[in-house]
All heavy atoms as atom14 arrays in JSON, in Angstrom:
{
  "sequence": "AKSVDLTSRPSREAANRLYQKLGFVARETNVYRYQGSR",
  "atom14_mask": [
    [1, 1, 1, 1, 1, 0, 0, 0, 0, 0, 0, 0, 0, 0],
    [1, 1, 1, 1, 1, 1, 1, 1, 1, 0, 0, 0, 0, 0],
    [1, 1, 1, 1, 1, 1, 0, 0, 0, 0, 0, 0, 0, 0],
    [1, 1, 1, 1, 1, 1, 1, 0, 0, 0, 0, 0, 0, 0],
    [1, 1, 1, 1, 1, 1, 1, 1, 0, 0, 0, 0, 0, 0],
    [1, 1, 1, 1, 1, 1, 1, 1, 0, 0, 0, 0, 0, 0],
    [1, 1, 1, 1, 1, 1, 1, 0, 0, 0, 0, 0, 0, 0],
    [1, 1, 1, 1, 1, 1, 0, 0, 0, 0, 0, 0, 0, 0],
    [1, 1, 1, 1, 1, 1, 1, 1, 1, 1, 1, 0, 0, 0],
    [1, 1, 1, 1, 1, 1, 1, 0, 0, 0, 0, 0, 0, 0],
    [1, 1, 1, 1, 1, 1, 0, 0, 0, 0, 0, 0, 0, 0],
    [1, 1, 1, 1, 1, 1, 1, 1, 1, 1, 1, 0, 0, 0],
    [1, 1, 1, 1, 1, 1, 1, 1, 1, 0, 0, 0, 0, 0],
    [1, 1, 1, 1, 1, 0, 0, 0, 0, 0, 0, 0, 0, 0],
    [1, 1, 1, 1, 1, 0, 0, 0, 0, 0, 0, 0, 0, 0],
    [1, 1, 1, 1, 1, 1, 1, 1, 0, 0, 0, 0, 0, 0],
    [1, 1, 1, 1, 1, 1, 1, 1, 1, 1, 1, 0, 0, 0],
    [1, 1, 1, 1, 1, 1, 1, 1, 0, 0, 0, 0, 0, 0],
    [1, 1, 1, 1, 1, 1, 1, 1, 1, 1, 1, 1, 0, 0],
    [1, 1, 1, 1, 1, 1, 1, 1, 1, 0, 0, 0, 0, 0],
    [1, 1, 1, 1, 1, 1, 1, 1, 1, 0, 0, 0, 0, 0],
    [1, 1, 1, 1, 1, 1, 1, 1, 0, 0, 0, 0, 0, 0],
    [1, 1, 1, 1, 0, 0, 0, 0, 0, 0, 0, 0, 0, 0],
    [1, 1, 1, 1, 1, 1, 1, 1, 1, 1, 1, 0, 0, 0],
    [1, 1, 1, 1, 1, 1, 1, 0, 0, 0, 0, 0, 0, 0],
    [1, 1, 1, 1, 1, 0, 0, 0, 0, 0, 0, 0, 0, 0],
    [1, 1, 1, 1, 1, 1, 1, 1, 1, 1, 1, 0, 0, 0],
    [1, 1, 1, 1, 1, 1, 1, 1, 1, 0, 0, 0, 0, 0],
    [1, 1, 1, 1, 1, 1, 1, 0, 0, 0, 0, 0, 0, 0],
    [1, 1, 1, 1, 1, 1, 1, 1, 0, 0, 0, 0, 0, 0],
    [1, 1, 1, 1, 1, 1, 1, 0, 0, 0, 0, 0, 0, 0],
    [1, 1, 1, 1, 1, 1, 1, 1, 1, 1, 1, 1, 0, 0],
    [1, 1, 1, 1, 1, 1, 1, 1, 1, 1, 1, 0, 0, 0],
    [1, 1, 1, 1, 1, 1, 1, 1, 1, 1, 1, 1, 0, 0],
    [1, 1, 1, 1, 1, 1, 1, 1, 1, 0, 0, 0, 0, 0],
    [1, 1, 1, 1, 0, 0, 0, 0, 0, 0, 0, 0, 0, 0],
    [1, 1, 1, 1, 1, 1, 0, 0, 0, 0, 0, 0, 0, 0],
    [1, 1, 1, 1, 1, 1, 1, 1, 1, 1, 1, 0, 0, 0]
  ],
  "atom14_positions": [
    [[20.82, -4.0, -9.32], [22.18, -3.26, -9.44], [22.64, -3.36, -10.95], [22.62, -4.37, -11.53], [23.19, -3.84, -8.56], [0.0, 0.0, 0.0], [0.0, 0.0, 0.0], [0.0, 0.0, 0.0], [0.0, 0.0, 0.0], [0.0, 0.0, 0.0], [0.0, 0.0, 0.0], [0.0, 0.0, 0.0], [0.0, 0.0, 0.0], [0.0, 0.0, 0.0]],
    [[23.09, -2.26, -11.48], [23.52, -2.19, -12.89], [25.05, -2.56, -12.93], [25.52, -2.93, -13.9], [23.34, -0.8, -13.34], [21.82, -0.53, -13.67], [21.59, 0.83, -14.39], [20.27, 1.06, -14.92], [19.15, 1.05, -14.05], [0.0, 0.0, 0.0], [0.0, 0.0, 0.0], [0.0, 0.0, 0.0], [0.0, 0.0, 0.0], [0.0, 0.0, 0.0]],
    [[25.69, -2.43, -11.75], [27.14, -2.71, -11.82], [27.45, -3.37, -10.36], [26.68, -3.17, -9.4], [28.04, -1.58, -12.15], [27.83, -0.65, -11.16], [0.0, 0.0, 0.0], [0.0, 0.0, 0.0], [0.0, 0.0, 0.0], [0.0, 0.0, 0.0], [0.0, 0.0, 0.0], [0.0, 0.0, 0.0], [0.0, 0.0, 0.0], [0.0, 0.0, 0.0]],
    [[28.57, -4.06, -10.28], [29.12, -4.5, -8.99], [30.56, -3.99, -8.93], [31.34, -4.2, -9.85], [29.14, -6.11, -8.99], [29.66, -6.55, -7.69], [27.67, -6.56, -9.27], [0.0, 0.0, 0.0], [0.0, 0.0, 0.0], [0.0, 0.0, 0.0], [0.0, 0.0, 0.0], [0.0, 0.0, 0.0], [0.0, 0.0, 0.0], [0.0, 0.0, 0.0]],
    [[30.85, -3.48, -7.62], [32.18, -2.98, -7.51], [32.96, -3.83, -6.47], [32.34, -4.46, -5.58], [32.09, -1.49, -6.99], [31.71, -0.52, -8.03], [32.29, -0.45, -9.15], [30.73, 0.24, -7.82], [0.0, 0.0, 0.0], [0.0, 0.0, 0.0], [0.0, 0.0, 0.0], [0.0, 0.0, 0.0], [0.0, 0.0, 0.0], [0.0, 0.0, 0.0]],
    [[34.2, -3.79, -6.51], [35.03, -4.35, -5.59], [36.46, -3.72, -5.58], [36.76, -3.09, -6.57], [35.16, -5.89, -5.72], [35.71, -6.51, -6.97], [37.18, -6.43, -7.07], [35.25, -7.96, -7.19], [0.0, 0.0, 0.0], [0.0, 0.0, 0.0], [0.0, 0.0, 0.0], [0.0, 0.0, 0.0], [0.0, 0.0, 0.0], [0.0, 0.0, 0.0]],
    [[37.21, -3.99, -4.57], [38.65, -3.48, -4.58], [39.45, -4.8, -4.25], [38.96, -5.67, -3.52], [39.06, -2.46, -3.54], [38.66, -2.9, -2.22], [38.15, -1.24, -3.84], [0.0, 0.0, 0.0], [0.0, 0.0, 0.0], [0.0, 0.0, 0.0], [0.0, 0.0, 0.0], [0.0, 0.0, 0.0], [0.0, 0.0, 0.0], [0.0, 0.0, 0.0]],
    [[40.65, -4.92, -4.69], [41.59, -5.93, -4.41], [43.01, -5.42, -4.38], [43.37, -4.68, -5.36], [41.39, -7.07, -5.51], [42.21, -8.11, -5.29], [0.0, 0.0, 0.0], [0.0, 0.0, 0.0], [0.0, 0.0, 0.0], [0.0, 0.0, 0.0], [0.0, 0.0, 0.0], [0.0, 0.0, 0.0], [0.0, 0.0, 0.0], [0.0, 0.0, 0.0]],
    [[43.69, -5.87, -3.54], [45.12, -5.42, -3.39], [45.87, -6.12, -4.67], [45.69, -7.12, -5.04], [45.82, -5.98, -2.14], [45.44, -5.22, -0.93], [46.2, -5.68, 0.29], [45.98, -7.1, 0.66], [45.42, -7.46, 1.73], [45.13, -6.58, 2.61], [45.12, -8.74, 1.98], [0.0, 0.0, 0.0], [0.0, 0.0, 0.0], [0.0, 0.0, 0.0]],
    [[46.8, -5.21, -5.18], [47.54, -5.7, -6.41], [48.34, -7.01, -6.04], [48.62, -7.75, -6.91], [48.53, -4.52, -6.69], [47.83, -3.3, -6.14], [47.01, -3.76, -4.9], [0.0, 0.0, 0.0], [0.0, 0.0, 0.0], [0.0, 0.0, 0.0], [0.0, 0.0, 0.0], [0.0, 0.0, 0.0], [0.0, 0.0, 0.0], [0.0, 0.0, 0.0]],
    [[48.8, -7.18, -4.79], [49.54, -8.34, -4.39], [48.72, -9.64, -4.56], [49.32, -10.76, -4.65], [50.2, -8.19, -3.03], [49.08, -8.13, -2.11], [0.0, 0.0, 0.0], [0.0, 0.0, 0.0], [0.0, 0.0, 0.0], [0.0, 0.0, 0.0], [0.0, 0.0, 0.0], [0.0, 0.0, 0.0], [0.0, 0.0, 0.0], [0.0, 0.0, 0.0]],
    [[47.43, -9.58, -4.57], [46.57, -10.67, -4.74], [46.41, -10.98, -6.32], [45.31, -10.89, -6.75], [45.24, -10.51, -4.0], [45.32, -10.31, -2.55], [44.05, -10.37, -1.9], [44.18, -10.38, -0.46], [44.26, -11.35, 0.35], [44.28, -12.61, -0.11], [44.33, -11.29, 1.66], [0.0, 0.0, 0.0], [0.0, 0.0, 0.0], [0.0, 0.0, 0.0]],
    [[47.51, -11.45, -6.91], [47.52, -11.64, -8.34], [46.49, -12.66, -8.84], [45.83, -12.31, -9.82], [48.95, -12.09, -8.73], [49.89, -10.96, -8.46], [51.29, -11.41, -8.77], [51.59, -12.51, -9.41], [52.27, -10.63, -8.48], [0.0, 0.0, 0.0], [0.0, 0.0, 0.0], [0.0, 0.0, 0.0], [0.0, 0.0, 0.0], [0.0, 0.0, 0.0]],
    [[46.31, -13.75, -8.21], [45.26, -14.7, -8.64], [43.93, -14.23, -8.57], [43.14, -14.36, -9.51], [45.41, -16.04, -7.84], [0.0, 0.0, 0.0], [0.0, 0.0, 0.0], [0.0, 0.0, 0.0], [0.0, 0.0, 0.0], [0.0, 0.0, 0.0], [0.0, 0.0, 0.0], [0.0, 0.0, 0.0], [0.0, 0.0, 0.0], [0.0, 0.0, 0.0]],
    [[43.6, -13.48, -7.45], [42.3, -12.89, -7.29], [42.08, -11.8, -8.4], [40.98, -11.78, -9.04], [42.1, -12.22, -5.93], [0.0, 0.0, 0.0], [0.0, 0.0, 0.0], [0.0, 0.0, 0.0], [0.0, 0.0, 0.0], [0.0, 0.0, 0.0], [0.0, 0.0, 0.0], [0.0, 0.0, 0.0], [0.0, 0.0, 0.0], [0.0, 0.0, 0.0]],
    [[43.07, -11.04, -8.73], [42.92, -10.01, -9.73], [42.72, -10.61, -11.12], [41.93, -10.19, -11.89], [44.06, -9.01, -9.68], [43.99, -8.05, -8.59], [43.21, -7.09, -8.69], [44.63, -8.24, -7.43], [0.0, 0.0, 0.0], [0.0, 0.0, 0.0], [0.0, 0.0, 0.0], [0.0, 0.0, 0.0], [0.0, 0.0, 0.0], [0.0, 0.0, 0.0]],
    [[43.43, -11.74, -11.38], [43.18, -12.47, -12.75], [41.76, -12.93, -12.74], [41.07, -12.9, -13.82], [44.23, -13.55, -12.77], [45.59, -13.16, -13.23], [46.49, -14.29, -13.62], [46.55, -15.31, -12.62], [47.57, -15.27, -11.6], [48.42, -14.38, -11.57], [47.57, -16.25, -10.74], [0.0, 0.0, 0.0], [0.0, 0.0, 0.0], [0.0, 0.0, 0.0]],
    [[41.31, -13.48, -11.57], [39.88, -13.96, -11.56], [38.9, -12.91, -11.86], [37.99, -13.07, -12.64], [39.55, -14.66, -10.23], [38.17, -14.96, -10.1], [37.63, -16.11, -11.07], [37.91, -15.55, -8.63], [0.0, 0.0, 0.0], [0.0, 0.0, 0.0], [0.0, 0.0, 0.0], [0.0, 0.0, 0.0], [0.0, 0.0, 0.0], [0.0, 0.0, 0.0]],
    [[39.03, -11.82, -11.23], [38.16, -10.67, -11.41], [38.17, -10.27, -12.86], [37.11, -10.02, -13.45], [38.45, -9.45, -10.52], [38.35, -9.85, -8.94], [39.32, -9.4, -8.06], [37.38, -10.61, -8.46], [39.32, -9.73, -6.72], [37.27, -11.04, -7.16], [38.21, -10.6, -6.31], [38.19, -10.92, -4.92], [0.0, 0.0, 0.0], [0.0, 0.0, 0.0]],
    [[39.24, -10.16, -13.48], [39.33, -9.75, -14.84], [38.66, -10.78, -15.73], [37.93, -10.41, -16.69], [40.78, -9.42, -15.33], [41.34, -8.24, -14.6], [42.84, -8.11, -14.79], [43.45, -8.77, -15.62], [43.53, -7.29, -13.9], [0.0, 0.0, 0.0], [0.0, 0.0, 0.0], [0.0, 0.0, 0.0], [0.0, 0.0, 0.0], [0.0, 0.0, 0.0]],
    [[38.93, -12.0, -15.45], [38.29, -13.16, -16.19], [36.7, -12.99, -16.09], [36.05, -13.32, -17.12], [38.75, -14.48, -15.62], [38.04, -15.71, -16.23], [38.48, -16.95, -15.49], [37.55, -18.11, -15.85], [37.85, -19.3, -15.13], [0.0, 0.0, 0.0], [0.0, 0.0, 0.0], [0.0, 0.0, 0.0], [0.0, 0.0, 0.0], [0.0, 0.0, 0.0]],
    [[36.25, -12.58, -15.01], [34.81, -12.53, -14.86], [34.14, -11.28, -15.45], [33.03, -11.16, -15.39], [34.48, -12.54, -13.34], [34.68, -13.9, -12.61], [34.51, -13.79, -11.1], [33.8, -15.06, -13.13], [0.0, 0.0, 0.0], [0.0, 0.0, 0.0], [0.0, 0.0, 0.0], [0.0, 0.0, 0.0], [0.0, 0.0, 0.0], [0.0, 0.0, 0.0]],
    [[35.0, -10.4, -15.93], [34.56, -9.19, -16.63], [34.67, -7.86, -15.82], [34.27, -6.89, -16.25], [0.0, 0.0, 0.0], [0.0, 0.0, 0.0], [0.0, 0.0, 0.0], [0.0, 0.0, 0.0], [0.0, 0.0, 0.0], [0.0, 0.0, 0.0], [0.0, 0.0, 0.0], [0.0, 0.0, 0.0], [0.0, 0.0, 0.0], [0.0, 0.0, 0.0]],
    [[35.33, -7.95, -14.63], [35.52, -6.72, -13.83], [36.57, -5.93, -14.58], [37.58, -6.59, -15.13], [36.0, -7.09, -12.48], [34.88, -7.47, -11.58], [34.54, -8.83, -11.49], [34.09, -6.62, -10.83], [33.45, -9.36, -10.7], [33.1, -7.09, -9.99], [32.85, -8.37, -9.9], [0.0, 0.0, 0.0], [0.0, 0.0, 0.0], [0.0, 0.0, 0.0]],
    [[36.51, -4.66, -14.69], [37.67, -3.77, -15.25], [38.06, -2.78, -14.16], [37.26, -2.3, -13.4], [37.14, -3.09, -16.46], [36.85, -4.09, -17.64], [35.81, -2.26, -16.24], [0.0, 0.0, 0.0], [0.0, 0.0, 0.0], [0.0, 0.0, 0.0], [0.0, 0.0, 0.0], [0.0, 0.0, 0.0], [0.0, 0.0, 0.0], [0.0, 0.0, 0.0]],
    [[39.35, -2.5, -14.17], [39.82, -1.5, -13.33], [39.2, -0.08, -13.6], [39.11, 0.19, -14.81], [41.36, -1.44, -13.42], [0.0, 0.0, 0.0], [0.0, 0.0, 0.0], [0.0, 0.0, 0.0], [0.0, 0.0, 0.0], [0.0, 0.0, 0.0], [0.0, 0.0, 0.0], [0.0, 0.0, 0.0], [0.0, 0.0, 0.0], [0.0, 0.0, 0.0]],
    [[38.82, 0.63, -12.62], [38.23, 1.92, -12.79], [39.4, 2.97, -12.51], [40.2, 2.73, -11.54], [37.1, 2.17, -11.82], [35.99, 1.27, -12.16], [34.8, 1.54, -11.18], [34.25, 2.84, -11.33], [33.51, 3.41, -10.48], [33.12, 2.83, -9.39], [33.06, 4.63, -10.76], [0.0, 0.0, 0.0], [0.0, 0.0, 0.0], [0.0, 0.0, 0.0]],
    [[39.24, 4.06, -13.21], [40.26, 5.13, -12.92], [39.56, 5.97, -11.86], [38.71, 6.89, -12.06], [40.35, 5.97, -14.25], [41.52, 6.99, -14.06], [41.94, 7.54, -15.34], [41.97, 6.82, -16.39], [42.25, 8.83, -15.33], [0.0, 0.0, 0.0], [0.0, 0.0, 0.0], [0.0, 0.0, 0.0], [0.0, 0.0, 0.0], [0.0, 0.0, 0.0]],
    [[39.96, 5.65, -10.65], [39.42, 6.38, -9.48], [40.41, 6.43, -8.35], [41.4, 5.68, -8.42], [38.06, 5.75, -9.0], [37.41, 6.5, -7.95], [38.26, 4.32, -8.51], [0.0, 0.0, 0.0], [0.0, 0.0, 0.0], [0.0, 0.0, 0.0], [0.0, 0.0, 0.0], [0.0, 0.0, 0.0], [0.0, 0.0, 0.0], [0.0, 0.0, 0.0]],
    [[40.13, 7.21, -7.38], [40.96, 7.18, -6.12], [40.13, 6.5, -5.03], [38.96, 6.79, -5.04], [41.3, 8.58, -5.66], [42.23, 9.27, -6.74], [43.01, 8.59, -7.37], [42.11, 10.64, -6.79], [0.0, 0.0, 0.0], [0.0, 0.0, 0.0], [0.0, 0.0, 0.0], [0.0, 0.0, 0.0], [0.0, 0.0, 0.0], [0.0, 0.0, 0.0]],
    [[40.71, 5.68, -4.28], [39.98, 5.13, -3.09], [40.57, 5.83, -1.92], [41.79, 5.96, -1.64], [40.27, 3.55, -3.01], [39.66, 3.06, -1.75], [39.73, 2.93, -4.23], [0.0, 0.0, 0.0], [0.0, 0.0, 0.0], [0.0, 0.0, 0.0], [0.0, 0.0, 0.0], [0.0, 0.0, 0.0], [0.0, 0.0, 0.0], [0.0, 0.0, 0.0]],
    [[39.73, 6.39, -1.11], [40.14, 7.11, 0.12], [39.57, 6.36, 1.42], [38.55, 5.72, 1.26], [39.53, 8.57, 0.15], [40.09, 9.37, -0.93], [39.46, 9.5, -2.16], [41.29, 10.08, -0.81], [39.91, 10.34, -3.17], [41.74, 10.92, -1.84], [41.07, 10.93, -3.09], [41.59, 11.89, -4.04], [0.0, 0.0, 0.0], [0.0, 0.0, 0.0]],
    [[40.28, 6.55, 2.42], [39.77, 5.87, 3.82], [40.03, 6.85, 4.82], [41.14, 7.46, 4.96], [40.56, 4.62, 4.03], [40.2, 4.03, 5.38], [40.94, 2.68, 5.63], [40.27, 1.87, 4.73], [40.78, 0.57, 4.46], [41.96, 0.25, 4.92], [40.19, -0.25, 3.66], [0.0, 0.0, 0.0], [0.0, 0.0, 0.0], [0.0, 0.0, 0.0]],
    [[39.04, 7.16, 5.63], [39.18, 8.01, 6.72], [39.22, 7.12, 8.03], [38.35, 6.29, 8.2], [37.89, 8.96, 6.85], [38.01, 9.8, 8.11], [38.83, 10.96, 8.15], [37.32, 9.47, 9.22], [38.86, 11.69, 9.29], [37.28, 10.22, 10.31], [38.05, 11.36, 10.34], [38.11, 12.16, 11.5], [0.0, 0.0, 0.0], [0.0, 0.0, 0.0]],
    [[40.26, 7.26, 8.77], [40.44, 6.41, 10.05], [40.57, 7.36, 11.31], [40.97, 6.78, 12.36], [41.61, 5.48, 9.85], [41.33, 4.32, 8.96], [42.43, 3.36, 8.98], [43.53, 3.59, 8.54], [42.09, 2.12, 9.32], [0.0, 0.0, 0.0], [0.0, 0.0, 0.0], [0.0, 0.0, 0.0], [0.0, 0.0, 0.0], [0.0, 0.0, 0.0]],
    [[40.26, 8.59, 11.16], [40.38, 9.43, 12.29], [39.36, 9.18, 13.39], [38.46, 8.5, 13.24], [0.0, 0.0, 0.0], [0.0, 0.0, 0.0], [0.0, 0.0, 0.0], [0.0, 0.0, 0.0], [0.0, 0.0, 0.0], [0.0, 0.0, 0.0], [0.0, 0.0, 0.0], [0.0, 0.0, 0.0], [0.0, 0.0, 0.0], [0.0, 0.0, 0.0]],
    [[39.67, 9.87, 14.51], [38.67, 9.71, 15.68], [37.92, 10.92, 15.77], [38.24, 12.0, 15.41], [39.43, 9.31, 16.9], [40.33, 10.4, 17.11], [0.0, 0.0, 0.0], [0.0, 0.0, 0.0], [0.0, 0.0, 0.0], [0.0, 0.0, 0.0], [0.0, 0.0, 0.0], [0.0, 0.0, 0.0], [0.0, 0.0, 0.0], [0.0, 0.0, 0.0]],
    [[36.78, 10.82, 16.37], [35.97, 12.04, 16.63], [36.12, 12.54, 18.0], [36.39, 11.99, 18.98], [34.4, 11.63, 16.37], [34.22, 11.3, 14.97], [32.76, 11.01, 14.79], [32.43, 11.52, 13.4], [31.22, 11.72, 12.97], [30.22, 11.5, 13.78], [30.99, 12.19, 11.9], [0.0, 0.0, 0.0], [0.0, 0.0, 0.0], [0.0, 0.0, 0.0]]
  ]
}
């Protein structure tokens, strides 16, 4: 894998600081979720 992705809620401040410390950068993207039924 050339990259590793993750998402983290903004309220998880310590986790977000850790991810940034490890070199993760916020991406300019939209995250969508479909929860409908079929």
